Amino acid sequence: MSQTNTPTTAGPADAPLVGAALARAFDGDPMMRWFFPDDTTRPDGLGRYFTTLFTRQYAPHGVCERTASAAAFWVSPEGADKAVPDAETIGLLTGILGDRAPLFRDAVQAAAAHGPQEPHWYLAVLGADPAAQGQGHGSALLRSGLAKADADGLPVYLESSKAENLPVYRHFGFEVLGEFALPGGGPTLWAMRRPPRPAA
């Protein structure tokens, strides 16, 4: 990958790089540590988890972009129904998560119950390799996706699983709609929404 923070479309050939970057990005994330509690196996598990989501769910049915050290998965209103994982994808994720798979299923259901009913763009995943922190990779990907939503005149919705990220999202116009704890004693998620802005 070239050393740039300019977003480009991520395709199937980028899967190993996307998976590796997101595995490093989410190693300290409370929700991912809830799903992958073992420090020794987490890096491999996260890499397989994000690669599976990318290749089977978001790359075919979402809008995926990357920089040299970060990746973002978005879902447009048109792709929302198709972006739901099929039975084979669920089977693969269950194999990766092992005995934590029931917690994952419960978390997905809990997040869906807090989802908006209005048409919207959804930011499913955004992560940057900590080694590239401060170089603008995450911000560049966020701006790119927000511009697409603004062009459609639609709000953007996300769930943040890390309190430290809330000020960053607020800087880009998001507001917290509410917070909820994942079932089974899991970490807190913050549901956030950004209203549409006039396209530049």
N, C-alpha and C. Protein backbone atom coordinates (compact mmCIF):
# COMPACT_ATOMS: atom_id res chain seq x y z
N MET A 1 0.84 -1.19 0.00
CA MET A 1 0.00 0.00 0.00
C MET A 1 0.88 1.24 0.00
N SER A 2 0.47 2.24 -0.74
CA SER A 2 1.21 3.49 -0.72
C SER A 2 0.96 4.19 0.61
N GLN A 3 1.91 5.00 1.04
CA GLN A 3 1.79 5.70 2.32
C GLN A 3 0.97 6.97 2.13
N THR A 4 -0.34 6.79 2.08
CA THR A 4 -1.21 7.94 1.86
C THR A 4 -2.45 7.81 2.72
N ASN A 5 -3.03 8.96 3.06
CA ASN A 5 -4.30 8.91 3.77
C ASN A 5 -5.46 9.35 2.88
N THR A 6 -5.26 9.25 1.58
CA THR A 6 -6.32 9.55 0.62
C THR A 6 -7.20 8.31 0.44
N PRO A 7 -8.51 8.40 0.71
CA PRO A 7 -9.37 7.23 0.60
C PRO A 7 -9.47 6.71 -0.83
N THR A 8 -9.44 5.39 -0.94
CA THR A 8 -9.68 4.72 -2.21
C THR A 8 -10.66 3.58 -1.95
N THR A 9 -11.34 3.14 -2.99
CA THR A 9 -12.27 2.02 -2.85
C THR A 9 -11.49 0.75 -2.50
N ALA A 10 -12.00 0.01 -1.53
CA ALA A 10 -11.36 -1.24 -1.12
C ALA A 10 -12.05 -2.40 -1.81
N GLY A 11 -11.27 -3.19 -2.53
CA GLY A 11 -11.81 -4.35 -3.23
C GLY A 11 -11.32 -5.65 -2.64
N PRO A 12 -11.76 -6.77 -3.17
CA PRO A 12 -11.40 -8.08 -2.63
C PRO A 12 -9.91 -8.31 -2.47
N ALA A 13 -9.10 -7.77 -3.38
CA ALA A 13 -7.65 -7.96 -3.28
C ALA A 13 -7.06 -7.28 -2.06
N ASP A 14 -7.79 -6.32 -1.49
CA ASP A 14 -7.30 -5.59 -0.31
C ASP A 14 -7.63 -6.30 1.00
N ALA A 15 -8.33 -7.42 0.94
CA ALA A 15 -8.82 -8.07 2.15
C ALA A 15 -7.73 -8.34 3.20
N PRO A 16 -6.57 -8.89 2.84
CA PRO A 16 -5.56 -9.13 3.88
C PRO A 16 -5.09 -7.85 4.55
N LEU A 17 -4.91 -6.79 3.77
CA LEU A 17 -4.44 -5.52 4.33
C LEU A 17 -5.52 -4.86 5.18
N VAL A 18 -6.76 -4.91 4.71
CA VAL A 18 -7.87 -4.34 5.47
C VAL A 18 -8.04 -5.09 6.78
N GLY A 19 -8.05 -6.41 6.72
CA GLY A 19 -8.21 -7.23 7.92
C GLY A 19 -7.12 -6.98 8.93
N ALA A 20 -5.88 -6.87 8.46
CA ALA A 20 -4.76 -6.65 9.37
C ALA A 20 -4.81 -5.27 10.02
N ALA A 21 -5.14 -4.25 9.23
CA ALA A 21 -5.22 -2.89 9.77
C ALA A 21 -6.32 -2.78 10.82
N LEU A 22 -7.48 -3.39 10.53
CA LEU A 22 -8.58 -3.31 11.48
C LEU A 22 -8.31 -4.16 12.73
N ALA A 23 -7.61 -5.26 12.58
CA ALA A 23 -7.25 -6.07 13.75
C ALA A 23 -6.38 -5.26 14.71
N ARG A 24 -5.44 -4.50 14.16
CA ARG A 24 -4.61 -3.66 15.02
C ARG A 24 -5.42 -2.49 15.60
N ALA A 25 -6.31 -1.95 14.79
CA ALA A 25 -7.11 -0.80 15.24
C ALA A 25 -8.02 -1.15 16.41
N PHE A 26 -8.58 -2.36 16.39
CA PHE A 26 -9.59 -2.73 17.37
C PHE A 26 -9.05 -3.62 18.50
N ASP A 27 -7.75 -3.79 18.57
CA ASP A 27 -7.20 -4.65 19.61
C ASP A 27 -7.55 -4.14 21.01
N GLY A 28 -7.64 -2.82 21.18
CA GLY A 28 -7.96 -2.25 22.48
C GLY A 28 -9.41 -1.86 22.65
N ASP A 29 -10.25 -2.19 21.69
CA ASP A 29 -11.66 -1.80 21.73
C ASP A 29 -12.42 -2.64 22.75
N PRO A 30 -13.21 -2.02 23.64
CA PRO A 30 -13.91 -2.80 24.67
C PRO A 30 -14.83 -3.89 24.12
N MET A 31 -15.55 -3.61 23.04
CA MET A 31 -16.44 -4.63 22.50
C MET A 31 -15.66 -5.78 21.90
N MET A 32 -14.58 -5.48 21.18
CA MET A 32 -13.79 -6.55 20.58
C MET A 32 -13.08 -7.37 21.65
N ARG A 33 -12.68 -6.73 22.74
CA ARG A 33 -12.09 -7.48 23.85
C ARG A 33 -13.14 -8.34 24.56
N TRP A 34 -14.38 -7.93 24.49
CA TRP A 34 -15.48 -8.72 25.02
C TRP A 34 -15.70 -9.97 24.18
N PHE A 35 -15.60 -9.81 22.87
CA PHE A 35 -15.76 -10.95 21.96
C PHE A 35 -14.51 -11.84 21.92
N PHE A 36 -13.34 -11.23 22.06
CA PHE A 36 -12.06 -11.96 21.97
C PHE A 36 -11.24 -11.67 23.23
N PRO A 37 -11.56 -12.30 24.36
CA PRO A 37 -10.92 -11.94 25.63
C PRO A 37 -9.48 -12.42 25.79
N ASP A 38 -9.07 -13.38 24.99
CA ASP A 38 -7.72 -13.96 25.14
C ASP A 38 -6.70 -13.10 24.39
N ASP A 39 -5.78 -12.49 25.14
CA ASP A 39 -4.77 -11.62 24.53
C ASP A 39 -3.93 -12.33 23.48
N THR A 40 -3.70 -13.63 23.69
CA THR A 40 -2.79 -14.35 22.79
C THR A 40 -3.44 -14.70 21.45
N THR A 41 -4.74 -14.90 21.46
CA THR A 41 -5.42 -15.29 20.22
C THR A 41 -6.20 -14.15 19.58
N ARG A 42 -6.33 -13.02 20.29
CA ARG A 42 -7.15 -11.92 19.77
C ARG A 42 -6.66 -11.40 18.42
N PRO A 43 -5.36 -11.13 18.23
CA PRO A 43 -4.96 -10.57 16.93
C PRO A 43 -5.38 -11.43 15.74
N ASP A 44 -5.18 -12.75 15.85
CA ASP A 44 -5.58 -13.63 14.76
C ASP A 44 -7.10 -13.66 14.61
N GLY A 45 -7.81 -13.74 15.75
CA GLY A 45 -9.26 -13.77 15.69
C GLY A 45 -9.83 -12.51 15.07
N LEU A 46 -9.31 -11.35 15.45
CA LEU A 46 -9.79 -10.10 14.89
C LEU A 46 -9.51 -10.02 13.39
N GLY A 47 -8.34 -10.44 12.98
CA GLY A 47 -8.01 -10.42 11.56
C GLY A 47 -8.97 -11.26 10.75
N ARG A 48 -9.27 -12.46 11.23
CA ARG A 48 -10.21 -13.33 10.53
C ARG A 48 -11.62 -12.76 10.56
N TYR A 49 -12.01 -12.19 11.69
CA TYR A 49 -13.34 -11.61 11.85
C TYR A 49 -13.56 -10.47 10.86
N PHE A 50 -12.65 -9.51 10.83
CA PHE A 50 -12.83 -8.36 9.94
C PHE A 50 -12.67 -8.75 8.46
N THR A 51 -11.79 -9.69 8.17
CA THR A 51 -11.66 -10.15 6.78
C THR A 51 -12.94 -10.81 6.30
N THR A 52 -13.56 -11.59 7.17
CA THR A 52 -14.82 -12.26 6.82
C THR A 52 -15.93 -11.23 6.60
N LEU A 53 -16.06 -10.27 7.51
CA LEU A 53 -17.07 -9.23 7.34
C LEU A 53 -16.86 -8.46 6.04
N PHE A 54 -15.62 -8.16 5.76
CA PHE A 54 -15.29 -7.38 4.56
C PHE A 54 -15.61 -8.15 3.28
N THR A 55 -15.10 -9.38 3.19
CA THR A 55 -15.22 -10.12 1.93
C THR A 55 -16.63 -10.62 1.67
N ARG A 56 -17.37 -10.95 2.72
CA ARG A 56 -18.67 -11.59 2.53
C ARG A 56 -19.85 -10.65 2.71
N GLN A 57 -19.67 -9.57 3.47
CA GLN A 57 -20.81 -8.73 3.81
C GLN A 57 -20.69 -7.33 3.24
N TYR A 58 -19.66 -6.61 3.65
CA TYR A 58 -19.61 -5.18 3.31
C TYR A 58 -19.01 -4.90 1.94
N ALA A 59 -18.02 -5.64 1.49
CA ALA A 59 -17.48 -5.39 0.15
C ALA A 59 -18.53 -5.66 -0.94
N PRO A 60 -19.30 -6.75 -0.84
CA PRO A 60 -20.29 -6.98 -1.90
C PRO A 60 -21.51 -6.06 -1.83
N HIS A 61 -21.89 -5.61 -0.61
CA HIS A 61 -23.16 -4.92 -0.47
C HIS A 61 -23.06 -3.54 0.16
N GLY A 62 -21.87 -3.15 0.59
CA GLY A 62 -21.69 -1.84 1.21
C GLY A 62 -20.77 -0.96 0.39
N VAL A 63 -20.28 0.07 1.04
CA VAL A 63 -19.30 0.98 0.45
C VAL A 63 -18.06 0.91 1.33
N CYS A 64 -17.00 0.33 0.81
CA CYS A 64 -15.78 0.12 1.59
C CYS A 64 -14.65 0.95 1.01
N GLU A 65 -13.99 1.68 1.89
CA GLU A 65 -12.84 2.49 1.48
C GLU A 65 -11.68 2.22 2.44
N ARG A 66 -10.50 2.49 1.95
CA ARG A 66 -9.30 2.31 2.76
C ARG A 66 -8.31 3.42 2.47
N THR A 67 -7.38 3.59 3.40
CA THR A 67 -6.17 4.37 3.16
C THR A 67 -5.01 3.41 3.35
N ALA A 68 -3.82 3.93 3.48
CA ALA A 68 -2.67 3.06 3.69
C ALA A 68 -2.73 2.34 5.03
N SER A 69 -3.46 2.90 6.01
CA SER A 69 -3.43 2.33 7.37
C SER A 69 -4.79 2.28 8.04
N ALA A 70 -5.87 2.39 7.29
CA ALA A 70 -7.20 2.42 7.90
C ALA A 70 -8.23 1.92 6.89
N ALA A 71 -9.42 1.60 7.43
CA ALA A 71 -10.52 1.15 6.56
C ALA A 71 -11.84 1.55 7.19
N ALA A 72 -12.85 1.72 6.33
CA ALA A 72 -14.20 2.04 6.77
C ALA A 72 -15.19 1.25 5.94
N PHE A 73 -16.22 0.74 6.62
CA PHE A 73 -17.31 0.03 5.96
C PHE A 73 -18.59 0.82 6.19
N TRP A 74 -19.25 1.22 5.11
CA TRP A 74 -20.49 1.97 5.17
C TRP A 74 -21.60 1.17 4.50
N VAL A 75 -22.84 1.45 4.92
CA VAL A 75 -24.00 0.85 4.28
C VAL A 75 -24.97 1.96 3.92
N SER A 76 -25.34 2.02 2.65
CA SER A 76 -26.32 3.00 2.19
C SER A 76 -27.72 2.45 2.45
N PRO A 77 -28.74 3.31 2.38
CA PRO A 77 -30.11 2.79 2.55
C PRO A 77 -30.45 1.68 1.56
N GLU A 78 -29.94 1.81 0.33
CA GLU A 78 -30.24 0.81 -0.70
C GLU A 78 -29.60 -0.54 -0.39
N GLY A 79 -28.48 -0.52 0.33
CA GLY A 79 -27.78 -1.77 0.61
C GLY A 79 -28.11 -2.38 1.95
N ALA A 80 -29.00 -1.74 2.72
CA ALA A 80 -29.23 -2.18 4.10
C ALA A 80 -29.73 -3.63 4.18
N ASP A 81 -30.70 -3.98 3.35
CA ASP A 81 -31.23 -5.35 3.42
C ASP A 81 -30.21 -6.38 2.96
N LYS A 82 -29.45 -6.04 1.93
CA LYS A 82 -28.48 -7.00 1.40
C LYS A 82 -27.27 -7.16 2.31
N ALA A 83 -26.98 -6.16 3.14
CA ALA A 83 -25.79 -6.20 3.98
C ALA A 83 -25.96 -7.08 5.22
N VAL A 84 -27.15 -7.60 5.43
CA VAL A 84 -27.37 -8.53 6.55
C VAL A 84 -26.65 -9.84 6.23
N PRO A 85 -25.84 -10.36 7.16
CA PRO A 85 -25.07 -11.58 6.86
C PRO A 85 -25.97 -12.78 6.59
N ASP A 86 -25.59 -13.57 5.59
CA ASP A 86 -26.35 -14.77 5.28
C ASP A 86 -25.93 -15.91 6.21
N ALA A 87 -26.57 -17.06 6.05
CA ALA A 87 -26.35 -18.19 6.95
C ALA A 87 -24.89 -18.66 6.91
N GLU A 88 -24.30 -18.67 5.71
CA GLU A 88 -22.91 -19.13 5.61
C GLU A 88 -21.96 -18.17 6.32
N THR A 89 -22.20 -16.87 6.17
CA THR A 89 -21.36 -15.89 6.85
C THR A 89 -21.50 -16.02 8.37
N ILE A 90 -22.74 -16.19 8.83
CA ILE A 90 -22.96 -16.38 10.26
C ILE A 90 -22.22 -17.62 10.75
N GLY A 91 -22.24 -18.68 9.95
CA GLY A 91 -21.51 -19.89 10.32
C GLY A 91 -20.01 -19.65 10.43
N LEU A 92 -19.46 -18.89 9.49
CA LEU A 92 -18.03 -18.58 9.54
C LEU A 92 -17.69 -17.74 10.77
N LEU A 93 -18.51 -16.73 11.05
CA LEU A 93 -18.26 -15.89 12.22
C LEU A 93 -18.40 -16.68 13.51
N THR A 94 -19.35 -17.59 13.55
CA THR A 94 -19.52 -18.44 14.73
C THR A 94 -18.28 -19.28 14.97
N GLY A 95 -17.70 -19.80 13.89
CA GLY A 95 -16.47 -20.57 14.03
C GLY A 95 -15.31 -19.73 14.53
N ILE A 96 -15.24 -18.48 14.10
CA ILE A 96 -14.16 -17.58 14.53
C ILE A 96 -14.34 -17.19 15.99
N LEU A 97 -15.58 -16.93 16.40
CA LEU A 97 -15.85 -16.46 17.76
C LEU A 97 -15.89 -17.58 18.78
N GLY A 98 -16.12 -18.80 18.34
CA GLY A 98 -16.13 -19.94 19.27
C GLY A 98 -17.21 -19.79 20.32
N ASP A 99 -16.83 -20.00 21.59
CA ASP A 99 -17.83 -19.96 22.66
C ASP A 99 -18.35 -18.55 22.94
N ARG A 100 -17.78 -17.53 22.28
CA ARG A 100 -18.29 -16.16 22.43
C ARG A 100 -19.35 -15.83 21.39
N ALA A 101 -19.63 -16.76 20.49
CA ALA A 101 -20.61 -16.51 19.43
C ALA A 101 -21.99 -16.11 19.97
N PRO A 102 -22.50 -16.75 21.03
CA PRO A 102 -23.81 -16.31 21.54
C PRO A 102 -23.80 -14.85 22.01
N LEU A 103 -22.70 -14.41 22.60
CA LEU A 103 -22.60 -13.01 23.02
C LEU A 103 -22.65 -12.09 21.81
N PHE A 104 -22.01 -12.51 20.72
CA PHE A 104 -22.02 -11.72 19.49
C PHE A 104 -23.44 -11.61 18.94
N ARG A 105 -24.16 -12.73 18.89
CA ARG A 105 -25.53 -12.71 18.38
C ARG A 105 -26.41 -11.79 19.23
N ASP A 106 -26.25 -11.88 20.55
CA ASP A 106 -27.04 -11.02 21.44
C ASP A 106 -26.69 -9.54 21.23
N ALA A 107 -25.42 -9.26 21.00
CA ALA A 107 -24.99 -7.87 20.78
C ALA A 107 -25.57 -7.32 19.49
N VAL A 108 -25.57 -8.12 18.43
CA VAL A 108 -26.13 -7.68 17.15
C VAL A 108 -27.62 -7.37 17.31
N GLN A 109 -28.33 -8.23 18.02
CA GLN A 109 -29.75 -8.01 18.22
C GLN A 109 -30.02 -6.77 19.06
N ALA A 110 -29.19 -6.56 20.10
CA ALA A 110 -29.36 -5.38 20.95
C ALA A 110 -29.12 -4.10 20.16
N ALA A 111 -28.07 -4.09 19.33
CA ALA A 111 -27.78 -2.91 18.52
C ALA A 111 -28.90 -2.65 17.52
N ALA A 112 -29.42 -3.70 16.91
CA ALA A 112 -30.49 -3.55 15.93
C ALA A 112 -31.74 -2.95 16.57
N ALA A 113 -32.00 -3.30 17.83
CA ALA A 113 -33.18 -2.78 18.52
C ALA A 113 -33.10 -1.28 18.76
N HIS A 114 -31.87 -0.74 18.75
CA HIS A 114 -31.67 0.70 18.95
C HIS A 114 -31.47 1.45 17.64
N GLY A 115 -31.57 0.75 16.52
CA GLY A 115 -31.31 1.37 15.24
C GLY A 115 -32.44 2.31 14.81
N PRO A 116 -32.13 3.27 13.97
CA PRO A 116 -33.13 4.24 13.52
C PRO A 116 -34.08 3.64 12.48
N GLN A 117 -35.28 4.20 12.40
CA GLN A 117 -36.26 3.75 11.41
C GLN A 117 -36.21 4.59 10.14
N GLU A 118 -35.66 5.80 10.22
CA GLU A 118 -35.59 6.68 9.07
C GLU A 118 -34.52 6.21 8.09
N PRO A 119 -34.64 6.54 6.80
CA PRO A 119 -33.57 6.23 5.85
C PRO A 119 -32.27 6.92 6.29
N HIS A 120 -31.17 6.20 6.19
CA HIS A 120 -29.90 6.74 6.68
C HIS A 120 -28.74 5.97 6.09
N TRP A 121 -27.56 6.57 6.16
CA TRP A 121 -26.32 5.85 5.93
C TRP A 121 -25.83 5.33 7.28
N TYR A 122 -25.22 4.16 7.27
CA TYR A 122 -24.75 3.53 8.50
C TYR A 122 -23.25 3.31 8.41
N LEU A 123 -22.53 3.83 9.40
CA LEU A 123 -21.10 3.58 9.48
C LEU A 123 -20.90 2.34 10.34
N ALA A 124 -20.63 1.21 9.70
CA ALA A 124 -20.53 -0.06 10.40
C ALA A 124 -19.18 -0.24 11.08
N VAL A 125 -18.11 0.15 10.39
CA VAL A 125 -16.76 -0.04 10.91
C VAL A 125 -15.88 1.12 10.46
N LEU A 126 -15.10 1.66 11.38
CA LEU A 126 -14.07 2.63 11.05
C LEU A 126 -12.91 2.42 12.00
N GLY A 127 -11.73 2.13 11.46
CA GLY A 127 -10.58 1.90 12.31
C GLY A 127 -9.28 2.23 11.60
N ALA A 128 -8.33 2.73 12.39
CA ALA A 128 -7.01 3.06 11.86
C ALA A 128 -5.95 2.38 12.71
N ASP A 129 -4.92 1.90 12.06
CA ASP A 129 -3.79 1.28 12.75
C ASP A 129 -3.22 2.29 13.75
N PRO A 130 -3.08 1.92 15.02
CA PRO A 130 -2.52 2.86 16.00
C PRO A 130 -1.15 3.40 15.63
N ALA A 131 -0.40 2.63 14.85
CA ALA A 131 0.93 3.10 14.43
C ALA A 131 0.84 4.33 13.54
N ALA A 132 -0.32 4.56 12.93
CA ALA A 132 -0.50 5.72 12.05
C ALA A 132 -1.37 6.79 12.71
N GLN A 133 -1.55 6.69 14.01
CA GLN A 133 -2.40 7.66 14.72
C GLN A 133 -1.88 9.07 14.52
N GLY A 134 -2.83 10.00 14.32
CA GLY A 134 -2.47 11.40 14.15
C GLY A 134 -2.11 11.79 12.73
N GLN A 135 -2.18 10.84 11.80
CA GLN A 135 -1.83 11.13 10.41
C GLN A 135 -3.06 11.38 9.53
N GLY A 136 -4.24 11.41 10.12
CA GLY A 136 -5.44 11.78 9.39
C GLY A 136 -6.13 10.68 8.62
N HIS A 137 -5.75 9.43 8.85
CA HIS A 137 -6.35 8.34 8.08
C HIS A 137 -7.84 8.17 8.41
N GLY A 138 -8.17 8.08 9.70
CA GLY A 138 -9.56 7.91 10.09
C GLY A 138 -10.42 9.09 9.69
N SER A 139 -9.90 10.30 9.88
CA SER A 139 -10.66 11.50 9.52
C SER A 139 -10.93 11.57 8.03
N ALA A 140 -9.95 11.18 7.23
CA ALA A 140 -10.14 11.22 5.78
C ALA A 140 -11.24 10.26 5.35
N LEU A 141 -11.26 9.07 5.94
CA LEU A 141 -12.31 8.11 5.61
C LEU A 141 -13.67 8.58 6.09
N LEU A 142 -13.69 9.20 7.27
CA LEU A 142 -14.96 9.71 7.80
C LEU A 142 -15.51 10.81 6.92
N ARG A 143 -14.67 11.75 6.51
CA ARG A 143 -15.12 12.83 5.63
C ARG A 143 -15.66 12.30 4.31
N SER A 144 -15.00 11.29 3.77
CA SER A 144 -15.41 10.73 2.49
C SER A 144 -16.80 10.13 2.57
N GLY A 145 -17.06 9.35 3.62
CA GLY A 145 -18.38 8.75 3.77
C GLY A 145 -19.45 9.77 4.08
N LEU A 146 -19.12 10.74 4.92
CA LEU A 146 -20.11 11.77 5.26
C LEU A 146 -20.50 12.58 4.03
N ALA A 147 -19.55 12.80 3.14
CA ALA A 147 -19.85 13.54 1.90
C ALA A 147 -20.87 12.78 1.06
N LYS A 148 -20.77 11.46 1.04
CA LYS A 148 -21.74 10.66 0.28
C LYS A 148 -23.14 10.77 0.89
N ALA A 149 -23.21 10.71 2.23
CA ALA A 149 -24.50 10.84 2.89
C ALA A 149 -25.08 12.24 2.67
N ASP A 150 -24.24 13.25 2.75
CA ASP A 150 -24.70 14.62 2.53
C ASP A 150 -25.21 14.80 1.11
N ALA A 151 -24.54 14.18 0.15
CA ALA A 151 -24.99 14.28 -1.24
C ALA A 151 -26.38 13.66 -1.41
N ASP A 152 -26.69 12.65 -0.58
CA ASP A 152 -28.02 12.03 -0.60
C ASP A 152 -29.02 12.77 0.27
N GLY A 153 -28.54 13.75 1.04
CA GLY A 153 -29.42 14.47 1.95
C GLY A 153 -29.90 13.63 3.11
N LEU A 154 -29.05 12.68 3.56
CA LEU A 154 -29.46 11.72 4.59
C LEU A 154 -28.58 11.81 5.83
N PRO A 155 -29.15 11.44 7.00
CA PRO A 155 -28.35 11.38 8.21
C PRO A 155 -27.45 10.16 8.22
N VAL A 156 -26.50 10.16 9.15
CA VAL A 156 -25.59 9.02 9.33
C VAL A 156 -25.75 8.52 10.76
N TYR A 157 -25.72 7.22 10.90
CA TYR A 157 -25.89 6.58 12.20
C TYR A 157 -24.70 5.66 12.46
N LEU A 158 -24.31 5.54 13.72
CA LEU A 158 -23.25 4.61 14.12
C LEU A 158 -23.44 4.23 15.57
N GLU A 159 -22.73 3.17 15.98
CA GLU A 159 -22.59 2.85 17.39
C GLU A 159 -21.11 2.88 17.72
N SER A 160 -20.76 3.63 18.74
CA SER A 160 -19.37 3.67 19.21
C SER A 160 -19.25 2.81 20.45
N SER A 161 -18.22 2.00 20.48
CA SER A 161 -17.99 1.14 21.64
C SER A 161 -16.82 1.64 22.50
N LYS A 162 -16.38 2.85 22.20
CA LYS A 162 -15.23 3.39 22.94
C LYS A 162 -15.54 4.84 23.31
N ALA A 163 -15.58 5.12 24.62
CA ALA A 163 -15.94 6.46 25.08
C ALA A 163 -14.98 7.52 24.54
N GLU A 164 -13.70 7.16 24.38
CA GLU A 164 -12.71 8.12 23.91
C GLU A 164 -12.99 8.62 22.50
N ASN A 165 -13.80 7.87 21.74
CA ASN A 165 -14.09 8.28 20.36
C ASN A 165 -15.25 9.26 20.26
N LEU A 166 -16.02 9.41 21.34
CA LEU A 166 -17.20 10.28 21.26
C LEU A 166 -16.86 11.72 20.90
N PRO A 167 -15.81 12.34 21.50
CA PRO A 167 -15.48 13.71 21.10
C PRO A 167 -15.09 13.84 19.63
N VAL A 168 -14.44 12.81 19.10
CA VAL A 168 -14.06 12.83 17.69
C VAL A 168 -15.31 12.87 16.81
N TYR A 169 -16.25 12.00 17.12
CA TYR A 169 -17.48 11.98 16.32
C TYR A 169 -18.28 13.26 16.50
N ARG A 170 -18.29 13.79 17.71
CA ARG A 170 -19.00 15.06 17.93
C ARG A 170 -18.38 16.17 17.07
N HIS A 171 -17.07 16.13 16.93
CA HIS A 171 -16.38 17.13 16.10
C HIS A 171 -16.91 17.11 14.67
N PHE A 172 -17.33 15.94 14.21
CA PHE A 172 -17.84 15.80 12.85
C PHE A 172 -19.36 15.94 12.78
N GLY A 173 -19.97 16.37 13.87
CA GLY A 173 -21.40 16.67 13.84
C GLY A 173 -22.32 15.62 14.41
N PHE A 174 -21.77 14.54 14.95
CA PHE A 174 -22.61 13.50 15.56
C PHE A 174 -23.03 13.91 16.97
N GLU A 175 -24.20 13.45 17.35
CA GLU A 175 -24.69 13.61 18.72
C GLU A 175 -25.13 12.26 19.26
N VAL A 176 -24.96 12.06 20.55
CA VAL A 176 -25.36 10.80 21.18
C VAL A 176 -26.88 10.76 21.31
N LEU A 177 -27.49 9.70 20.76
CA LEU A 177 -28.92 9.48 20.90
C LEU A 177 -29.24 8.75 22.20
N GLY A 178 -28.33 7.91 22.64
CA GLY A 178 -28.53 7.12 23.84
C GLY A 178 -27.39 6.15 24.01
N GLU A 179 -27.39 5.47 25.13
CA GLU A 179 -26.37 4.46 25.39
C GLU A 179 -27.04 3.22 25.97
N PHE A 180 -26.42 2.07 25.72
CA PHE A 180 -26.97 0.82 26.23
C PHE A 180 -25.83 -0.17 26.44
N ALA A 181 -25.97 -1.00 27.44
CA ALA A 181 -24.98 -2.03 27.73
C ALA A 181 -25.33 -3.29 26.96
N LEU A 182 -24.31 -3.95 26.45
CA LEU A 182 -24.55 -5.21 25.75
C LEU A 182 -25.01 -6.28 26.73
N PRO A 183 -25.87 -7.19 26.28
CA PRO A 183 -26.37 -8.24 27.18
C PRO A 183 -25.24 -9.11 27.73
N GLY A 184 -25.51 -9.70 28.88
CA GLY A 184 -24.53 -10.61 29.46
C GLY A 184 -23.39 -9.93 30.18
N GLY A 185 -23.58 -8.68 30.56
CA GLY A 185 -22.52 -7.95 31.25
C GLY A 185 -21.49 -7.35 30.33
N GLY A 186 -21.86 -7.12 29.08
CA GLY A 186 -20.93 -6.57 28.10
C GLY A 186 -20.73 -5.08 28.26
N PRO A 187 -19.85 -4.51 27.44
CA PRO A 187 -19.54 -3.08 27.52
C PRO A 187 -20.68 -2.22 26.99
N THR A 188 -20.53 -0.92 27.18
CA THR A 188 -21.53 0.05 26.75
C THR A 188 -21.30 0.45 25.30
N LEU A 189 -22.39 0.63 24.57
CA LEU A 189 -22.36 1.20 23.23
C LEU A 189 -23.11 2.52 23.25
N TRP A 190 -22.63 3.47 22.47
CA TRP A 190 -23.29 4.77 22.33
C TRP A 190 -23.85 4.89 20.92
N ALA A 191 -25.15 5.04 20.81
CA ALA A 191 -25.79 5.26 19.52
C ALA A 191 -25.67 6.74 19.17
N MET A 192 -25.18 7.02 17.95
CA MET A 192 -24.93 8.39 17.53
C MET A 192 -25.55 8.66 16.16
N ARG A 193 -25.97 9.93 15.97
CA ARG A 193 -26.58 10.34 14.71
C ARG A 193 -26.02 11.70 14.30
N ARG A 194 -25.79 11.83 13.00
CA ARG A 194 -25.37 13.12 12.43
C ARG A 194 -26.39 13.52 11.39
N PRO A 195 -27.00 14.70 11.53
CA PRO A 195 -27.97 15.14 10.52
C PRO A 195 -27.27 15.48 9.20
N PRO A 196 -28.00 15.45 8.11
CA PRO A 196 -27.38 15.79 6.82
C PRO A 196 -27.02 17.27 6.78
N ARG A 197 -25.98 17.55 6.03
CA ARG A 197 -25.55 18.93 5.80
C ARG A 197 -25.59 19.20 4.30
N PRO A 198 -25.76 20.46 3.94
CA PRO A 198 -25.73 20.76 2.49
C PRO A 198 -24.43 20.29 1.86
N ALA A 199 -24.52 19.59 0.76
CA ALA A 199 -23.32 19.10 0.10
C ALA A 199 -22.47 20.26 -0.37
N ALA A 200 -21.15 20.12 -0.21
CA ALA A 200 -20.23 21.20 -0.61
C ALA A 200 -20.23 21.32 -2.13
